Amino acid sequence: MANSSSILPDNESIPATGLLEEDSQIWHSLKQAIASSSGFQNWQLEHLSTKQHPQMNLDRQVRTYLRETLETLAY
């Protein structure tokens, strides 16, 4: 069972600077894998071309893509 102190409320996020080095490396690898996927690239074309998410860095784009994808799946 997960340690309850490691679970954050939905409205909180862990700043990248607060991640352990290993977690940071895992996130970087995962982010790169997601960014190279066709689903993410299609999402990027649709969303960035319509100016819904202007000037987002890759980290923010991947987080937004994952959130929107999970919201769609949950619906």
PDB file of N, CA and C in Angstrom:
ATOM      1  N   MET A   1       0.844  -1.184   0.000  1.00  0.00           N
ATOM      2  CA  MET A   1       0.000   0.000   0.000  1.00  0.00           C
ATOM      3  C   MET A   1       0.883   1.240   0.000  1.00  0.00           C
ATOM      4  N   ALA A   2       0.476   2.263  -0.692  1.00  0.00           N
ATOM      5  CA  ALA A   2       1.263   3.491  -0.801  1.00  0.00           C
ATOM      6  C   ALA A   2       1.269   4.250   0.516  1.00  0.00           C
ATOM      7  N   ASN A   3       2.368   4.893   0.783  1.00  0.00           N
ATOM      8  CA  ASN A   3       2.487   5.731   1.955  1.00  0.00           C
ATOM      9  C   ASN A   3       1.604   6.952   1.764  1.00  0.00           C
ATOM     10  N   SER A   4       0.707   7.217   2.692  1.00  0.00           N
ATOM     11  CA  SER A   4      -0.243   8.321   2.517  1.00  0.00           C
ATOM     12  C   SER A   4       0.441   9.678   2.439  1.00  0.00           C
ATOM     13  N   SER A   5       1.642   9.789   2.975  1.00  0.00           N
ATOM     14  CA  SER A   5       2.342  11.074   2.908  1.00  0.00           C
ATOM     15  C   SER A   5       2.878  11.348   1.506  1.00  0.00           C
ATOM     16  N   SER A   6       2.914  10.325   0.643  1.00  0.00           N
ATOM     17  CA  SER A   6       3.425  10.536  -0.708  1.00  0.00           C
ATOM     18  C   SER A   6       2.319  10.877  -1.700  1.00  0.00           C
ATOM     19  N   ILE A   7       1.073  10.865  -1.252  1.00  0.00           N
ATOM     20  CA  ILE A   7      -0.046  11.151  -2.136  1.00  0.00           C
ATOM     21  C   ILE A   7      -0.413  12.625  -2.014  1.00  0.00           C
ATOM     22  N   LEU A   8      -0.467  13.312  -3.154  1.00  0.00           N
ATOM     23  CA  LEU A   8      -0.796  14.731  -3.172  1.00  0.00           C
ATOM     24  C   LEU A   8      -2.240  14.924  -3.603  1.00  0.00           C
ATOM     25  N   PRO A   9      -2.911  15.946  -3.100  1.00  0.00           N
ATOM     26  CA  PRO A   9      -4.243  16.275  -3.608  1.00  0.00           C
ATOM     27  C   PRO A   9      -4.164  16.613  -5.086  1.00  0.00           C
ATOM     28  N   ASP A  10      -5.282  16.472  -5.797  1.00  0.00           N
ATOM     29  CA  ASP A  10      -5.314  16.708  -7.235  1.00  0.00           C
ATOM     30  C   ASP A  10      -4.833  18.092  -7.637  1.00  0.00           C
ATOM     31  N   ASN A  11      -5.039  19.079  -6.792  1.00  0.00           N
ATOM     32  CA  ASN A  11      -4.694  20.443  -7.182  1.00  0.00           C
ATOM     33  C   ASN A  11      -3.243  20.804  -6.862  1.00  0.00           C
ATOM     34  N   GLU A  12      -2.467  19.866  -6.338  1.00  0.00           N
ATOM     35  CA  GLU A  12      -1.067  20.144  -6.058  1.00  0.00           C
ATOM     36  C   GLU A  12      -0.199  19.425  -7.068  1.00  0.00           C
ATOM     37  N   SER A  13       0.959  19.983  -7.321  1.00  0.00           N
ATOM     38  CA  SER A  13       1.905  19.324  -8.213  1.00  0.00           C
ATOM     39  C   SER A  13       3.282  19.381  -7.574  1.00  0.00           C
ATOM     40  N   ILE A  14       4.119  18.482  -7.996  1.00  0.00           N
ATOM     41  CA  ILE A  14       5.488  18.446  -7.489  1.00  0.00           C
ATOM     42  C   ILE A  14       6.344  19.270  -8.436  1.00  0.00           C
ATOM     43  N   PRO A  15       6.983  20.325  -7.945  1.00  0.00           N
ATOM     44  CA  PRO A  15       7.848  21.098  -8.835  1.00  0.00           C
ATOM     45  C   PRO A  15       9.027  20.243  -9.291  1.00  0.00           C
ATOM     46  N   ALA A  16       9.460  20.451 -10.522  1.00  0.00           N
ATOM     47  CA  ALA A  16      10.551  19.662 -11.081  1.00  0.00           C
ATOM     48  C   ALA A  16      11.798  19.744 -10.214  1.00  0.00           C
ATOM     49  N   THR A  17      12.027  20.874  -9.573  1.00  0.00           N
ATOM     50  CA  THR A  17      13.211  21.032  -8.743  1.00  0.00           C
ATOM     51  C   THR A  17      13.129  20.200  -7.479  1.00  0.00           C
ATOM     52  N   GLY A  18      11.934  19.744  -7.102  1.00  0.00           N
ATOM     53  CA  GLY A  18      11.774  18.946  -5.901  1.00  0.00           C
ATOM     54  C   GLY A  18      11.891  17.456  -6.140  1.00  0.00           C
ATOM     55  N   LEU A  19      12.054  17.042  -7.378  1.00  0.00           N
ATOM     56  CA  LEU A  19      12.155  15.629  -7.687  1.00  0.00           C
ATOM     57  C   LEU A  19      13.543  15.110  -7.356  1.00  0.00           C
ATOM     58  N   LEU A  20      13.587  13.861  -6.965  1.00  0.00           N
ATOM     59  CA  LEU A  20      14.873  13.220  -6.791  1.00  0.00           C
ATOM     60  C   LEU A  20      15.522  13.061  -8.158  1.00  0.00           C
ATOM     61  N   GLU A  21      16.828  12.945  -8.184  1.00  0.00           N
ATOM     62  CA  GLU A  21      17.556  12.832  -9.457  1.00  0.00           C
ATOM     63  C   GLU A  21      17.045  11.659 -10.281  1.00  0.00           C
ATOM     64  N   GLU A  22      16.816  10.523  -9.651  1.00  0.00           N
ATOM     65  CA  GLU A  22      16.329   9.352 -10.386  1.00  0.00           C
ATOM     66  C   GLU A  22      14.942   9.621 -10.968  1.00  0.00           C
ATOM     67  N   ASP A  23      14.063  10.244 -10.184  1.00  0.00           N
ATOM     68  CA  ASP A  23      12.728  10.582 -10.677  1.00  0.00           C
ATOM     69  C   ASP A  23      12.812  11.553 -11.844  1.00  0.00           C
ATOM     70  N   SER A  24      13.711  12.498 -11.755  1.00  0.00           N
ATOM     71  CA  SER A  24      13.888  13.477 -12.814  1.00  0.00           C
ATOM     72  C   SER A  24      14.342  12.791 -14.105  1.00  0.00           C
ATOM     73  N   GLN A  25      15.237  11.822 -13.991  1.00  0.00           N
ATOM     74  CA  GLN A  25      15.713  11.092 -15.164  1.00  0.00           C
ATOM     75  C   GLN A  25      14.592  10.252 -15.770  1.00  0.00           C
ATOM     76  N   ILE A  26      13.789   9.628 -14.907  1.00  0.00           N
ATOM     77  CA  ILE A  26      12.666   8.828 -15.391  1.00  0.00           C
ATOM     78  C   ILE A  26      11.671   9.721 -16.116  1.00  0.00           C
ATOM     79  N   TRP A  27      11.328  10.883 -15.522  1.00  0.00           N
ATOM     80  CA  TRP A  27      10.390  11.798 -16.160  1.00  0.00           C
ATOM     81  C   TRP A  27      10.929  12.264 -17.509  1.00  0.00           C
ATOM     82  N   HIS A  28      12.217  12.579 -17.578  1.00  0.00           N
ATOM     83  CA  HIS A  28      12.817  13.037 -18.841  1.00  0.00           C
ATOM     84  C   HIS A  28      12.679  11.955 -19.914  1.00  0.00           C
ATOM     85  N   SER A  29      12.989  10.707 -19.570  1.00  0.00           N
ATOM     86  CA  SER A  29      12.879   9.613 -20.537  1.00  0.00           C
ATOM     87  C   SER A  29      11.433   9.397 -20.961  1.00  0.00           C
ATOM     88  N   LEU A  30      10.526   9.428 -20.006  1.00  0.00           N
ATOM     89  CA  LEU A  30       9.111   9.245 -20.309  1.00  0.00           C
ATOM     90  C   LEU A  30       8.595  10.383 -21.187  1.00  0.00           C
ATOM     91  N   LYS A  31       8.981  11.602 -20.851  1.00  0.00           N
ATOM     92  CA  LYS A  31       8.562  12.772 -21.627  1.00  0.00           C
ATOM     93  C   LYS A  31       9.047  12.669 -23.069  1.00  0.00           C
ATOM     94  N   GLN A  32      10.283  12.235 -23.265  1.00  0.00           N
ATOM     95  CA  GLN A  32      10.820  12.093 -24.615  1.00  0.00           C
ATOM     96  C   GLN A  32      10.085  11.003 -25.388  1.00  0.00           C
ATOM     97  N   ALA A  33       9.756   9.898 -24.716  1.00  0.00           N
ATOM     98  CA  ALA A  33       9.022   8.808 -25.375  1.00  0.00           C
ATOM     99  C   ALA A  33       7.622   9.272 -25.778  1.00  0.00           C
ATOM    100  N   ILE A  34       6.954   9.999 -24.889  1.00  0.00           N
ATOM    101  CA  ILE A  34       5.619  10.512 -25.198  1.00  0.00           C
ATOM    102  C   ILE A  34       5.691  11.514 -26.338  1.00  0.00           C
ATOM    103  N   ALA A  35       6.678  12.397 -26.293  1.00  0.00           N
ATOM    104  CA  ALA A  35       6.817  13.432 -27.322  1.00  0.00           C
ATOM    105  C   ALA A  35       7.078  12.836 -28.699  1.00  0.00           C
ATOM    106  N   SER A  36       7.664  11.659 -28.761  1.00  0.00           N
ATOM    107  CA  SER A  36       7.939  11.042 -30.058  1.00  0.00           C
ATOM    108  C   SER A  36       6.779  10.171 -30.554  1.00  0.00           C
ATOM    109  N   SER A  37       5.738  10.018 -29.731  1.00  0.00           N
ATOM    110  CA  SER A  37       4.598   9.185 -30.134  1.00  0.00           C
ATOM    111  C   SER A  37       3.726   9.922 -31.152  1.00  0.00           C
ATOM    112  N   SER A  38       3.076   9.139 -32.000  1.00  0.00           N
ATOM    113  CA  SER A  38       2.215   9.737 -33.019  1.00  0.00           C
ATOM    114  C   SER A  38       0.994  10.417 -32.385  1.00  0.00           C
ATOM    115  N   GLY A  39       0.489   9.854 -31.300  1.00  0.00           N
ATOM    116  CA  GLY A  39      -0.658  10.468 -30.628  1.00  0.00           C
ATOM    117  C   GLY A  39      -0.334  11.859 -30.114  1.00  0.00           C
ATOM    118  N   PHE A  40       0.826  12.008 -29.488  1.00  0.00           N
ATOM    119  CA  PHE A  40       1.240  13.319 -28.991  1.00  0.00           C
ATOM    120  C   PHE A  40       1.485  14.276 -30.143  1.00  0.00           C
ATOM    121  N   GLN A  41       2.117  13.803 -31.201  1.00  0.00           N
ATOM    122  CA  GLN A  41       2.410  14.681 -32.338  1.00  0.00           C
ATOM    123  C   GLN A  41       1.129  15.157 -33.008  1.00  0.00           C
ATOM    124  N   ASN A  42       0.128  14.294 -33.103  1.00  0.00           N
ATOM    125  CA  ASN A  42      -1.168  14.718 -33.643  1.00  0.00           C
ATOM    126  C   ASN A  42      -1.831  15.736 -32.725  1.00  0.00           C
ATOM    127  N   TRP A  43      -1.764  15.484 -31.405  1.00  0.00           N
ATOM    128  CA  TRP A  43      -2.327  16.415 -30.421  1.00  0.00           C
ATOM    129  C   TRP A  43      -1.649  17.772 -30.565  1.00  0.00           C
ATOM    130  N   GLN A  44      -0.335  17.756 -30.709  1.00  0.00           N
ATOM    131  CA  GLN A  44       0.434  18.995 -30.857  1.00  0.00           C
ATOM    132  C   GLN A  44      -0.037  19.783 -32.077  1.00  0.00           C
ATOM    133  N   LEU A  45      -0.191  19.104 -33.190  1.00  0.00           N
ATOM    134  CA  LEU A  45      -0.635  19.781 -34.413  1.00  0.00           C
ATOM    135  C   LEU A  45      -2.011  20.405 -34.232  1.00  0.00           C
ATOM    136  N   GLU A  46      -2.916  19.673 -33.602  1.00  0.00           N
ATOM    137  CA  GLU A  46      -4.273  20.179 -33.399  1.00  0.00           C
ATOM    138  C   GLU A  46      -4.314  21.340 -32.415  1.00  0.00           C
ATOM    139  N   HIS A  47      -3.651  21.193 -31.306  1.00  0.00           N
ATOM    140  CA  HIS A  47      -3.757  22.177 -30.229  1.00  0.00           C
ATOM    141  C   HIS A  47      -2.872  23.398 -30.412  1.00  0.00           C
ATOM    142  N   LEU A  48      -1.672  23.187 -30.902  1.00  0.00           N
ATOM    143  CA  LEU A  48      -0.763  24.321 -31.036  1.00  0.00           C
ATOM    144  C   LEU A  48      -1.106  25.154 -32.265  1.00  0.00           C
ATOM    145  N   SER A  49      -1.689  24.514 -33.265  1.00  0.00           N
ATOM    146  CA  SER A  49      -2.058  25.273 -34.464  1.00  0.00           C
ATOM    147  C   SER A  49      -3.290  26.146 -34.210  1.00  0.00           C
ATOM    148  N   THR A  50      -4.112  25.756 -33.236  1.00  0.00           N
ATOM    149  CA  THR A  50      -5.304  26.546 -32.934  1.00  0.00           C
ATOM    150  C   THR A  50      -5.038  27.574 -31.838  1.00  0.00           C
ATOM    151  N   LYS A  51      -3.824  27.661 -31.388  1.00  0.00           N
ATOM    152  CA  LYS A  51      -3.403  28.642 -30.378  1.00  0.00           C
ATOM    153  C   LYS A  51      -4.086  28.423 -29.020  1.00  0.00           C
ATOM    154  N   GLN A  52      -4.583  27.197 -28.778  1.00  0.00           N
ATOM    155  CA  GLN A  52      -5.161  26.914 -27.469  1.00  0.00           C
ATOM    156  C   GLN A  52      -4.083  26.843 -26.394  1.00  0.00           C
ATOM    157  N   HIS A  53      -2.895  26.444 -26.786  1.00  0.00           N
ATOM    158  CA  HIS A  53      -1.796  26.295 -25.837  1.00  0.00           C
ATOM    159  C   HIS A  53      -0.538  26.969 -26.389  1.00  0.00           C
ATOM    160  N   PRO A  54      -0.559  28.288 -26.546  1.00  0.00           N
ATOM    161  CA  PRO A  54       0.581  28.963 -27.160  1.00  0.00           C
ATOM    162  C   PRO A  54       1.807  28.998 -26.238  1.00  0.00           C
ATOM    163  N   GLN A  55       2.961  28.896 -26.819  1.00  0.00           N
ATOM    164  CA  GLN A  55       4.227  29.102 -26.131  1.00  0.00           C
ATOM    165  C   GLN A  55       4.454  28.170 -24.938  1.00  0.00           C
ATOM    166  N   MET A  56       3.938  26.961 -24.981  1.00  0.00           N
ATOM    167  CA  MET A  56       4.193  26.010 -23.899  1.00  0.00           C
ATOM    168  C   MET A  56       5.493  25.269 -24.174  1.00  0.00           C
ATOM    169  N   ASN A  57       6.300  25.079 -23.123  1.00  0.00           N
ATOM    170  CA  ASN A  57       7.491  24.274 -23.297  1.00  0.00           C
ATOM    171  C   ASN A  57       7.094  22.803 -23.370  1.00  0.00           C
ATOM    172  N   LEU A  58       8.014  21.949 -23.743  1.00  0.00           N
ATOM    173  CA  LEU A  58       7.704  20.534 -23.955  1.00  0.00           C
ATOM    174  C   LEU A  58       7.177  19.883 -22.687  1.00  0.00           C
ATOM    175  N   ASP A  59       7.745  20.202 -21.554  1.00  0.00           N
ATOM    176  CA  ASP A  59       7.292  19.631 -20.289  1.00  0.00           C
ATOM    177  C   ASP A  59       5.809  19.919 -20.071  1.00  0.00           C
ATOM    178  N   ARG A  60       5.425  21.164 -20.243  1.00  0.00           N
ATOM    179  CA  ARG A  60       4.021  21.572 -20.048  1.00  0.00           C
ATOM    180  C   ARG A  60       3.106  20.951 -21.101  1.00  0.00           C
ATOM    181  N   GLN A  61       3.597  20.864 -22.342  1.00  0.00           N
ATOM    182  CA  GLN A  61       2.796  20.241 -23.395  1.00  0.00           C
ATOM    183  C   GLN A  61       2.494  18.784 -23.059  1.00  0.00           C
ATOM    184  N   VAL A  62       3.515  18.037 -22.619  1.00  0.00           N
ATOM    185  CA  VAL A  62       3.324  16.623 -22.295  1.00  0.00           C
ATOM    186  C   VAL A  62       2.366  16.481 -21.121  1.00  0.00           C
ATOM    187  N   ARG A  63       2.517  17.310 -20.101  1.00  0.00           N
ATOM    188  CA  ARG A  63       1.609  17.250 -18.946  1.00  0.00           C
ATOM    189  C   ARG A  63       0.167  17.554 -19.363  1.00  0.00           C
ATOM    190  N   THR A  64      -0.021  18.540 -20.215  1.00  0.00           N
ATOM    191  CA  THR A  64      -1.356  18.896 -20.689  1.00  0.00           C
ATOM    192  C   THR A  64      -1.931  17.772 -21.539  1.00  0.00           C
ATOM    193  N   TYR A  65      -1.105  17.213 -22.415  1.00  0.00           N
ATOM    194  CA  TYR A  65      -1.533  16.093 -23.260  1.00  0.00           C
ATOM    195  C   TYR A  65      -1.980  14.910 -22.393  1.00  0.00           C
ATOM    196  N   LEU A  66      -1.187  14.560 -21.395  1.00  0.00           N
ATOM    197  CA  LEU A  66      -1.533  13.435 -20.524  1.00  0.00           C
ATOM    198  C   LEU A  66      -2.820  13.706 -19.751  1.00  0.00           C
ATOM    199  N   ARG A  67      -2.965  14.915 -19.229  1.00  0.00           N
ATOM    200  CA  ARG A  67      -4.173  15.266 -18.482  1.00  0.00           C
ATOM    201  C   ARG A  67      -5.407  15.170 -19.374  1.00  0.00           C
ATOM    202  N   GLU A  68      -5.329  15.754 -20.564  1.00  0.00           N
ATOM    203  CA  GLU A  68      -6.471  15.739 -21.480  1.00  0.00           C
ATOM    204  C   GLU A  68      -6.790  14.316 -21.943  1.00  0.00           C
ATOM    205  N   THR A  69      -5.758  13.522 -22.182  1.00  0.00           N
ATOM    206  CA  THR A  69      -5.974  12.142 -22.604  1.00  0.00           C
ATOM    207  C   THR A  69      -6.639  11.342 -21.494  1.00  0.00           C
ATOM    208  N   LEU A  70      -6.172  11.491 -20.266  1.00  0.00           N
ATOM    209  CA  LEU A  70      -6.769  10.766 -19.147  1.00  0.00           C
ATOM    210  C   LEU A  70      -8.200  11.245 -18.879  1.00  0.00           C
ATOM    211  N   GLU A  71      -8.454  12.528 -19.032  1.00  0.00           N
ATOM    212  CA  GLU A  71      -9.824  13.033 -18.858  1.00  0.00           C
ATOM    213  C   GLU A  71     -10.758  12.420 -19.909  1.00  0.00           C
ATOM    214  N   THR A  72     -10.267  12.295 -21.133  1.00  0.00           N
ATOM    215  CA  THR A  72     -11.060  11.704 -22.195  1.00  0.00           C
ATOM    216  C   THR A  72     -11.332  10.225 -21.912  1.00  0.00           C
ATOM    217  N   LEU A  73     -10.329   9.515 -21.465  1.00  0.00           N
ATOM    218  CA  LEU A  73     -10.498   8.106 -21.144  1.00  0.00           C
ATOM    219  C   LEU A  73     -11.442   7.894 -19.966  1.00  0.00           C
ATOM    220  N   ALA A  74     -11.396   8.792 -19.004  1.00  0.00           N
ATOM    221  CA  ALA A  74     -12.244   8.680 -17.820  1.00  0.00           C
ATOM    222  C   ALA A  74     -13.687   8.995 -18.147  1.00  0.00           C
ATOM    223  N   TYR A  75     -13.925   9.793 -19.190  1.00  0.00           N
ATOM    224  CA  TYR A  75     -15.260  10.186 -19.562  1.00  0.00           C
ATOM    225  C   TYR A  75     -15.964   9.026 -20.178  1.00  0.00           C
TER     226      TYR A  75
END
